[in-house]
């Protein structure tokens, strides 16, 4: 089982720590909680910044079931009901790396990096991606990703929480 306590050394915001704690509370002794345990009324602190993705082809692609409105506005992207394979770069390659790692490891993943937005300059975002399963699924069937807009980068690494840097 993933050791969420190991996330204490990561440069997570309080919002991200609370998100991980919520995910951890849904596991009920399992490595990955069931998707049916996600209750929309409990997602209030993160609404607008969440992406819900369906894992397709054993992690070969991912479908955005929900693409958070605040995150969409900030990054000028609209991927609701689109596949990661349809996203423009750098979102496509980052999505495959980040979501692929979360699906393959069936563990939360953290990424913090700076992105170039051309004339509007660089912005730094972090992402925490957590896996969910469905009854009878061999691996995660869904991922929930939280995007956080940061002032400055604390890390440029992708980390599987509970394991060394990837």
Protein backbone atom coordinates (compact mmCIF):
# COMPACT_ATOMS: atom_id res chain seq x y z
CA UNK A 1 0.00 0.00 0.00
CA UNK A 2 1.20 3.52 -0.79
CA UNK A 3 2.75 5.30 2.16
CA UNK A 4 1.15 8.73 2.02
CA UNK A 5 3.38 9.86 4.89
CA UNK A 6 6.29 9.82 2.44
CA UNK A 7 4.69 12.84 0.75
CA UNK A 8 5.74 14.93 3.77
CA UNK A 9 9.11 15.61 2.13
CA UNK A 10 7.56 16.90 -1.10
CA UNK A 11 6.92 20.61 -1.73
CA UNK A 12 3.15 20.16 -1.60
CA UNK A 13 0.76 22.99 -0.81
CA UNK A 14 -1.77 22.55 2.01
CA UNK A 15 -4.42 22.22 -0.70
CA UNK A 16 -2.50 19.34 -2.29
CA UNK A 17 -1.90 17.65 1.07
CA UNK A 18 -5.63 17.86 1.84
CA UNK A 19 -6.39 16.37 -1.61
CA UNK A 20 -4.05 13.44 -0.91
CA UNK A 21 -5.58 13.00 2.55
CA UNK A 22 -9.05 12.86 0.96
CA UNK A 23 -7.87 10.22 -1.53
CA UNK A 24 -6.21 8.26 1.28
CA UNK A 25 -9.46 8.33 3.30
CA UNK A 26 -11.31 6.69 0.39
CA UNK A 27 -8.98 3.69 0.12
CA UNK A 28 -10.64 1.74 2.94
CA UNK A 29 -7.59 -0.52 3.30
CA UNK A 30 -7.11 -0.96 -0.46
CA UNK A 31 -4.18 0.25 -2.54
CA UNK A 32 -6.54 2.15 -4.84
CA UNK A 33 -10.02 3.38 -3.87
CA UNK A 34 -13.02 2.59 -6.03
CA UNK A 35 -14.19 5.38 -8.30
CA UNK A 36 -17.69 5.04 -6.84
CA UNK A 37 -16.33 6.36 -3.53
CA UNK A 38 -15.72 9.82 -5.04
CA UNK A 39 -18.49 12.07 -3.75
CA UNK A 40 -18.85 15.34 -5.67
CA UNK A 41 -19.98 17.18 -2.53
CA UNK A 42 -16.57 16.43 -0.97
CA UNK A 43 -14.62 17.90 -3.90
CA UNK A 44 -15.61 21.50 -3.17
CA UNK A 45 -12.15 22.75 -2.13
CA UNK A 46 -10.70 21.62 -5.48
CA UNK A 47 -13.57 22.11 -7.95
CA UNK A 48 -12.55 23.96 -11.06
CA UNK A 49 -8.99 22.69 -10.75
CA UNK A 50 -9.72 18.96 -11.14
CA UNK A 51 -9.51 16.72 -14.17
CA UNK A 52 -11.22 13.32 -14.13
CA UNK A 53 -9.70 10.96 -16.68
CA UNK A 54 -10.76 7.52 -17.79
CA UNK A 55 -7.87 5.11 -18.39
CA UNK A 56 -8.16 3.64 -21.91
CA UNK A 57 -6.32 0.69 -23.46
CA UNK A 58 -4.53 -0.22 -20.21
CA UNK A 59 -2.97 3.25 -20.04
CA UNK A 60 -2.35 3.63 -23.77
CA UNK A 61 -4.53 6.75 -23.77
CA UNK A 62 -6.73 8.72 -21.39
CA UNK A 63 -10.10 10.41 -21.87
CA UNK A 64 -10.85 13.66 -20.05
CA UNK A 65 -14.31 13.05 -18.55
CA UNK A 66 -14.06 16.37 -16.70
CA UNK A 67 -11.56 19.13 -17.45
CA UNK A 68 -11.69 21.73 -14.66
CA UNK A 69 -13.03 25.14 -15.67
CA UNK A 70 -10.48 27.17 -13.69
CA UNK A 71 -7.60 25.08 -15.02
CA UNK A 72 -9.00 25.35 -18.56
CA UNK A 73 -9.24 29.12 -18.34
CA UNK A 74 -5.75 29.55 -16.91
CA UNK A 75 -4.03 27.29 -19.43
CA UNK A 76 -6.30 28.21 -22.39
CA UNK A 77 -7.11 24.54 -22.99
CA UNK A 78 -10.46 22.80 -23.39
CA UNK A 79 -10.11 19.03 -23.31
CA UNK A 80 -13.48 17.92 -21.90
CA UNK A 81 -14.39 14.58 -23.57
CA UNK A 82 -11.14 14.55 -25.58
CA UNK A 83 -8.31 12.08 -25.40
CA UNK A 84 -4.83 12.99 -24.22
CA UNK A 85 -3.63 11.83 -27.65
CA UNK A 86 -5.67 14.73 -29.14
CA UNK A 87 -4.08 17.37 -26.90
CA UNK A 88 -1.56 19.86 -28.25
CA UNK A 89 2.01 19.85 -27.08
CA UNK A 90 3.30 20.13 -24.40
CA UNK A 91 0.06 18.90 -22.82
CA UNK A 92 0.05 15.63 -24.79
CA UNK A 93 3.56 14.45 -23.86
CA UNK A 94 3.19 15.63 -20.26
CA UNK A 95 -0.17 13.91 -19.99
CA UNK A 96 1.15 10.60 -21.28
CA UNK A 97 4.14 10.80 -18.91
CA UNK A 98 2.21 11.85 -15.82
CA UNK A 99 -1.04 9.93 -16.28
CA UNK A 100 0.79 6.91 -17.65
CA UNK A 101 2.98 6.76 -14.55
CA UNK A 102 0.00 7.08 -12.18
CA UNK A 103 -1.89 4.34 -14.05
CA UNK A 104 1.11 1.99 -14.33
CA UNK A 105 2.20 2.39 -10.70
CA UNK A 106 -1.37 2.64 -9.31
CA UNK A 107 -0.06 5.29 -6.93
CA UNK A 108 -0.30 9.07 -6.58
CA UNK A 109 2.13 11.08 -8.70
CA UNK A 110 3.38 14.64 -8.16
CA UNK A 111 4.83 16.97 -10.80
CA UNK A 112 5.91 20.60 -10.49
CA UNK A 113 7.27 22.48 -13.48
CA UNK A 114 7.42 25.82 -15.24
CA UNK A 115 5.56 26.27 -18.51
CA UNK A 116 6.20 28.85 -21.23
CA UNK A 117 3.03 30.71 -22.23
CA UNK A 118 4.72 32.89 -24.85
CA UNK A 119 3.97 36.59 -24.47
CA UNK A 120 2.28 36.08 -21.12
CA UNK A 121 5.51 34.58 -19.74
CA UNK A 122 6.25 31.51 -17.67
CA UNK A 123 3.89 30.03 -15.12
CA UNK A 124 4.61 27.29 -12.67
CA UNK A 125 2.09 24.55 -12.04
CA UNK A 126 2.05 21.47 -9.92
CA UNK A 127 -0.11 18.44 -10.45
CA UNK A 128 -1.12 15.69 -8.07
CA UNK A 129 -2.65 12.68 -9.83
CA UNK A 130 -4.38 9.91 -7.88
CA UNK A 131 -5.69 6.59 -9.24
CA UNK A 132 -9.13 5.04 -8.76
CA UNK A 133 -10.37 1.59 -9.68
CA UNK A 134 -13.62 -0.04 -10.66
CA UNK A 135 -14.90 -3.40 -9.45
CA UNK A 136 -13.21 -6.11 -11.48
CA UNK A 137 -10.61 -3.83 -13.05
CA UNK A 138 -7.02 -5.08 -13.02
CA UNK A 139 -5.51 -1.62 -12.69
CA UNK A 140 -6.76 1.92 -12.22
CA UNK A 141 -9.80 2.71 -14.34
CA UNK A 142 -9.80 6.44 -13.61
CA UNK A 143 -7.44 9.18 -12.50
CA UNK A 144 -8.22 12.39 -10.67
CA UNK A 145 -5.71 15.19 -11.25
CA UNK A 146 -5.45 18.41 -9.25
CA UNK A 147 -3.75 21.39 -10.91
CA UNK A 148 -2.23 24.12 -8.72
CA UNK A 149 -0.97 27.46 -10.03
CA UNK A 150 2.27 28.30 -8.21
CA UNK A 151 4.35 31.43 -7.81
CA UNK A 152 7.71 29.73 -8.26
CA UNK A 153 8.96 26.21 -8.93
CA UNK A 154 10.06 24.20 -5.92
CA UNK A 155 10.78 21.11 -7.97
CA UNK A 156 11.19 20.02 -11.57
CA UNK A 157 10.69 16.35 -10.77
CA UNK A 158 8.00 13.78 -11.26
CA UNK A 159 7.59 11.72 -8.12
CA UNK A 160 5.61 8.58 -7.46
CA UNK A 161 4.54 9.18 -3.90
CA UNK A 162 5.83 6.37 -1.74
CA UNK A 163 8.73 5.61 -4.11
CA UNK A 164 11.97 7.37 -5.13
CA UNK A 165 12.02 10.02 -7.84
CA UNK A 166 11.10 8.64 -11.26
